[in-house]
Amino acid sequence: MLRFNEENAYVEFLRTRGLPNERRAGRIHLSGLVLGVHSESFYKRMENACDGVIEIRVMERGDEAKNLLRVRSLKGQRHDSRWHEIEIKPNGEAILAN
């Protein structure tokens, strides 16, 4: 969407039409964003428009990669904001690692 639209127009559309329509329909909307591609203000406005932020990070140590996940924010809900290691199965399923 951002390839053909300005950041401000996209955030305004999502905030005023996209997310309210999803909530009315009882659906959950997930958006994936890569940091460092857009302006810092874009990311802040997206976080403010959404009900939560889940971060996924890959850390490499030598030949090994660790996949980590945390809930950074979740409006109106208590949550664990610590990093948790996840395992990605061959079929794409993600589970918490031991």
N, C-alpha and C. Protein backbone atom coordinates (compact mmCIF):
# COMPACT_ATOMS: atom_id res chain seq x y z
N MET A 1 0.82 -1.20 0.00
CA MET A 1 0.00 0.00 0.00
C MET A 1 0.86 1.26 0.00
N LEU A 2 1.95 1.24 0.76
CA LEU A 2 2.76 2.46 0.86
C LEU A 2 3.58 2.73 -0.39
N ARG A 3 3.71 1.75 -1.23
CA ARG A 3 4.44 1.97 -2.48
C ARG A 3 3.72 2.98 -3.36
N PHE A 4 2.39 3.01 -3.28
CA PHE A 4 1.60 3.88 -4.13
C PHE A 4 0.87 4.99 -3.36
N ASN A 5 1.12 5.11 -2.06
CA ASN A 5 0.45 6.10 -1.24
C ASN A 5 1.44 6.79 -0.31
N GLU A 6 1.10 7.99 0.10
CA GLU A 6 1.91 8.72 1.07
C GLU A 6 1.68 8.13 2.46
N GLU A 7 2.67 8.25 3.33
CA GLU A 7 2.54 7.72 4.68
C GLU A 7 1.34 8.31 5.41
N ASN A 8 1.17 9.63 5.36
CA ASN A 8 0.07 10.28 6.07
C ASN A 8 -1.29 9.77 5.59
N ALA A 9 -1.44 9.64 4.29
CA ALA A 9 -2.71 9.16 3.73
C ALA A 9 -2.99 7.73 4.16
N TYR A 10 -1.99 6.90 4.19
CA TYR A 10 -2.16 5.50 4.59
C TYR A 10 -2.58 5.40 6.06
N VAL A 11 -1.87 6.10 6.94
CA VAL A 11 -2.20 6.04 8.37
C VAL A 11 -3.60 6.58 8.61
N GLU A 12 -3.95 7.66 7.95
CA GLU A 12 -5.28 8.25 8.12
C GLU A 12 -6.37 7.29 7.64
N PHE A 13 -6.15 6.63 6.51
CA PHE A 13 -7.11 5.63 6.02
C PHE A 13 -7.26 4.49 7.02
N LEU A 14 -6.16 3.97 7.49
CA LEU A 14 -6.20 2.85 8.43
C LEU A 14 -6.90 3.26 9.72
N ARG A 15 -6.59 4.44 10.23
CA ARG A 15 -7.14 4.91 11.50
C ARG A 15 -8.64 5.20 11.42
N THR A 16 -9.09 5.79 10.31
CA THR A 16 -10.49 6.23 10.22
C THR A 16 -11.41 5.23 9.53
N ARG A 17 -10.88 4.38 8.66
CA ARG A 17 -11.74 3.45 7.93
C ARG A 17 -11.35 1.99 8.12
N GLY A 18 -10.09 1.68 7.90
CA GLY A 18 -9.64 0.29 7.93
C GLY A 18 -9.85 -0.40 9.26
N LEU A 19 -9.26 0.13 10.33
CA LEU A 19 -9.37 -0.51 11.63
C LEU A 19 -10.79 -0.47 12.20
N PRO A 20 -11.52 0.66 12.12
CA PRO A 20 -12.90 0.63 12.60
C PRO A 20 -13.78 -0.39 11.88
N ASN A 21 -13.60 -0.57 10.59
CA ASN A 21 -14.37 -1.57 9.84
C ASN A 21 -14.03 -2.98 10.31
N GLU A 22 -12.77 -3.25 10.57
CA GLU A 22 -12.35 -4.57 11.05
C GLU A 22 -12.96 -4.84 12.43
N ARG A 23 -12.95 -3.84 13.30
CA ARG A 23 -13.51 -4.02 14.65
C ARG A 23 -15.01 -4.27 14.58
N ARG A 24 -15.72 -3.50 13.76
CA ARG A 24 -17.17 -3.70 13.62
C ARG A 24 -17.50 -5.11 13.13
N ALA A 25 -16.66 -5.64 12.25
CA ALA A 25 -16.89 -6.98 11.70
C ALA A 25 -16.40 -8.08 12.64
N GLY A 26 -15.78 -7.69 13.78
CA GLY A 26 -15.30 -8.68 14.74
C GLY A 26 -14.03 -9.39 14.30
N ARG A 27 -13.28 -8.74 13.42
CA ARG A 27 -12.04 -9.35 12.91
C ARG A 27 -10.82 -8.73 13.58
N ILE A 28 -9.72 -9.45 13.49
CA ILE A 28 -8.44 -8.96 13.98
C ILE A 28 -7.61 -8.59 12.76
N HIS A 29 -7.00 -7.42 12.80
CA HIS A 29 -6.17 -6.94 11.69
C HIS A 29 -4.71 -6.99 12.13
N LEU A 30 -3.88 -7.70 11.38
CA LEU A 30 -2.45 -7.76 11.65
C LEU A 30 -1.70 -7.08 10.52
N SER A 31 -0.80 -6.19 10.88
CA SER A 31 0.05 -5.53 9.89
C SER A 31 1.50 -5.82 10.23
N GLY A 32 2.29 -6.14 9.25
CA GLY A 32 3.71 -6.37 9.45
C GLY A 32 4.50 -5.20 8.90
N LEU A 33 5.39 -4.65 9.72
CA LEU A 33 6.21 -3.52 9.31
C LEU A 33 7.67 -3.81 9.61
N VAL A 34 8.54 -3.34 8.74
CA VAL A 34 9.98 -3.47 8.93
C VAL A 34 10.51 -2.11 9.34
N LEU A 35 11.20 -2.06 10.48
CA LEU A 35 11.75 -0.79 10.94
C LEU A 35 12.86 -0.31 10.02
N GLY A 36 12.98 1.01 9.91
CA GLY A 36 14.05 1.61 9.13
C GLY A 36 13.71 1.86 7.68
N VAL A 37 12.51 1.51 7.25
CA VAL A 37 12.10 1.72 5.87
C VAL A 37 11.35 3.04 5.72
N HIS A 38 10.52 3.35 6.72
CA HIS A 38 9.68 4.55 6.68
C HIS A 38 10.16 5.55 7.72
N SER A 39 9.49 6.70 7.77
CA SER A 39 9.88 7.73 8.73
C SER A 39 9.53 7.30 10.15
N GLU A 40 10.26 7.83 11.13
CA GLU A 40 10.01 7.51 12.53
C GLU A 40 8.60 7.92 12.95
N SER A 41 8.11 9.04 12.42
CA SER A 41 6.75 9.48 12.78
C SER A 41 5.69 8.51 12.24
N PHE A 42 5.96 7.88 11.12
CA PHE A 42 5.02 6.88 10.59
C PHE A 42 4.84 5.73 11.58
N TYR A 43 5.95 5.21 12.10
CA TYR A 43 5.87 4.10 13.05
C TYR A 43 5.12 4.51 14.32
N LYS A 44 5.38 5.71 14.81
CA LYS A 44 4.70 6.20 16.01
C LYS A 44 3.19 6.32 15.77
N ARG A 45 2.80 6.87 14.63
CA ARG A 45 1.36 7.01 14.33
C ARG A 45 0.71 5.65 14.16
N MET A 46 1.40 4.70 13.55
CA MET A 46 0.85 3.35 13.40
C MET A 46 0.65 2.70 14.77
N GLU A 47 1.63 2.85 15.67
CA GLU A 47 1.49 2.28 17.02
C GLU A 47 0.31 2.89 17.75
N ASN A 48 0.11 4.19 17.60
CA ASN A 48 -1.01 4.86 18.26
C ASN A 48 -2.36 4.43 17.70
N ALA A 49 -2.41 4.10 16.42
CA ALA A 49 -3.67 3.69 15.79
C ALA A 49 -4.05 2.26 16.15
N CYS A 50 -3.07 1.44 16.48
CA CYS A 50 -3.31 0.02 16.71
C CYS A 50 -3.50 -0.29 18.19
N ASP A 51 -4.10 -1.45 18.47
CA ASP A 51 -4.35 -1.87 19.84
C ASP A 51 -3.14 -2.54 20.49
N GLY A 52 -2.19 -2.97 19.69
CA GLY A 52 -1.03 -3.64 20.25
C GLY A 52 0.13 -3.68 19.28
N VAL A 53 1.31 -3.92 19.84
CA VAL A 53 2.53 -4.05 19.04
C VAL A 53 3.26 -5.31 19.47
N ILE A 54 3.48 -6.20 18.50
CA ILE A 54 4.24 -7.42 18.73
C ILE A 54 5.52 -7.30 17.93
N GLU A 55 6.65 -7.50 18.59
CA GLU A 55 7.95 -7.41 17.91
C GLU A 55 8.52 -8.80 17.72
N ILE A 56 9.13 -9.01 16.55
CA ILE A 56 9.82 -10.26 16.25
C ILE A 56 11.23 -9.88 15.85
N ARG A 57 12.19 -10.59 16.40
CA ARG A 57 13.60 -10.28 16.14
C ARG A 57 14.36 -11.58 15.92
N VAL A 58 15.31 -11.55 15.00
CA VAL A 58 16.20 -12.68 14.78
C VAL A 58 17.59 -12.25 15.24
N MET A 59 18.15 -13.00 16.18
CA MET A 59 19.50 -12.72 16.67
C MET A 59 20.41 -13.85 16.20
N GLU A 60 21.53 -13.47 15.63
CA GLU A 60 22.49 -14.47 15.15
C GLU A 60 23.71 -14.50 16.05
N ARG A 61 24.08 -15.70 16.46
CA ARG A 61 25.30 -15.91 17.25
C ARG A 61 26.08 -17.02 16.59
N GLY A 62 27.15 -16.65 15.94
CA GLY A 62 27.93 -17.64 15.21
C GLY A 62 27.11 -18.21 14.07
N ASP A 63 26.96 -19.52 14.07
CA ASP A 63 26.19 -20.20 13.03
C ASP A 63 24.73 -20.39 13.42
N GLU A 64 24.36 -19.96 14.62
CA GLU A 64 23.01 -20.22 15.12
C GLU A 64 22.17 -18.94 15.11
N ALA A 65 20.92 -19.08 14.70
CA ALA A 65 19.98 -17.96 14.72
C ALA A 65 18.90 -18.25 15.75
N LYS A 66 18.56 -17.24 16.56
CA LYS A 66 17.48 -17.37 17.53
C LYS A 66 16.36 -16.45 17.12
N ASN A 67 15.14 -16.98 17.10
CA ASN A 67 13.94 -16.19 16.79
C ASN A 67 13.30 -15.79 18.11
N LEU A 68 13.09 -14.49 18.29
CA LEU A 68 12.54 -13.97 19.54
C LEU A 68 11.26 -13.19 19.27
N LEU A 69 10.35 -13.20 20.26
CA LEU A 69 9.08 -12.51 20.14
C LEU A 69 8.75 -11.87 21.48
N ARG A 70 8.15 -10.67 21.43
CA ARG A 70 7.64 -10.05 22.65
C ARG A 70 6.44 -9.18 22.31
N VAL A 71 5.56 -9.03 23.28
CA VAL A 71 4.44 -8.10 23.16
C VAL A 71 4.93 -6.80 23.79
N ARG A 72 5.15 -5.80 22.95
CA ARG A 72 5.68 -4.54 23.47
C ARG A 72 4.59 -3.68 24.08
N SER A 73 3.41 -3.68 23.46
CA SER A 73 2.29 -2.93 24.04
C SER A 73 0.99 -3.64 23.68
N LEU A 74 0.02 -3.49 24.56
CA LEU A 74 -1.30 -4.07 24.36
C LEU A 74 -2.28 -3.21 25.14
N LYS A 75 -2.98 -2.33 24.45
CA LYS A 75 -3.82 -1.34 25.10
C LYS A 75 -4.90 -1.98 25.97
N GLY A 76 -4.95 -1.52 27.22
CA GLY A 76 -5.99 -1.98 28.12
C GLY A 76 -5.81 -3.38 28.68
N GLN A 77 -4.69 -4.02 28.41
CA GLN A 77 -4.46 -5.40 28.87
C GLN A 77 -3.10 -5.51 29.54
N ARG A 78 -3.05 -6.30 30.60
CA ARG A 78 -1.75 -6.63 31.19
C ARG A 78 -1.06 -7.62 30.26
N HIS A 79 0.25 -7.51 30.15
CA HIS A 79 0.98 -8.41 29.26
C HIS A 79 2.42 -8.56 29.72
N ASP A 80 3.02 -9.63 29.29
CA ASP A 80 4.42 -9.92 29.57
C ASP A 80 5.24 -9.31 28.45
N SER A 81 6.09 -8.34 28.75
CA SER A 81 6.84 -7.66 27.70
C SER A 81 8.27 -8.19 27.55
N ARG A 82 8.55 -9.34 28.19
CA ARG A 82 9.89 -9.92 28.04
C ARG A 82 10.02 -10.62 26.68
N TRP A 83 11.26 -10.75 26.22
CA TRP A 83 11.54 -11.48 24.99
C TRP A 83 11.41 -12.97 25.26
N HIS A 84 10.77 -13.70 24.34
CA HIS A 84 10.61 -15.15 24.43
C HIS A 84 11.14 -15.78 23.15
N GLU A 85 11.89 -16.86 23.31
CA GLU A 85 12.40 -17.56 22.14
C GLU A 85 11.28 -18.38 21.52
N ILE A 86 11.17 -18.31 20.20
CA ILE A 86 10.17 -19.11 19.48
C ILE A 86 10.88 -20.02 18.49
N GLU A 87 10.23 -21.13 18.21
CA GLU A 87 10.74 -22.08 17.22
C GLU A 87 9.81 -22.05 16.02
N ILE A 88 10.39 -21.90 14.84
CA ILE A 88 9.61 -21.90 13.61
C ILE A 88 9.67 -23.30 13.01
N LYS A 89 8.52 -23.96 12.92
CA LYS A 89 8.44 -25.30 12.37
C LYS A 89 8.55 -25.24 10.84
N PRO A 90 8.86 -26.36 10.18
CA PRO A 90 8.95 -26.39 8.71
C PRO A 90 7.67 -25.96 7.99
N ASN A 91 6.50 -26.15 8.66
CA ASN A 91 5.24 -25.76 8.04
C ASN A 91 4.88 -24.28 8.28
N GLY A 92 5.80 -23.53 8.96
CA GLY A 92 5.58 -22.11 9.23
C GLY A 92 4.98 -21.81 10.59
N GLU A 93 4.55 -22.84 11.31
CA GLU A 93 3.97 -22.66 12.63
C GLU A 93 5.05 -22.19 13.61
N ALA A 94 4.69 -21.24 14.50
CA ALA A 94 5.63 -20.76 15.51
C ALA A 94 5.15 -21.21 16.88
N ILE A 95 6.08 -21.76 17.68
CA ILE A 95 5.72 -22.18 19.04
C ILE A 95 6.79 -21.63 19.99
N LEU A 96 6.41 -21.47 21.26
CA LEU A 96 7.39 -21.04 22.26
C LEU A 96 8.40 -22.16 22.46
N ALA A 97 9.68 -21.81 22.46
CA ALA A 97 10.73 -22.79 22.69
C ALA A 97 10.83 -23.05 24.19
N ASN A 98 11.37 -24.20 24.57
CA ASN A 98 11.52 -24.54 26.00
C ASN A 98 12.55 -23.67 26.64
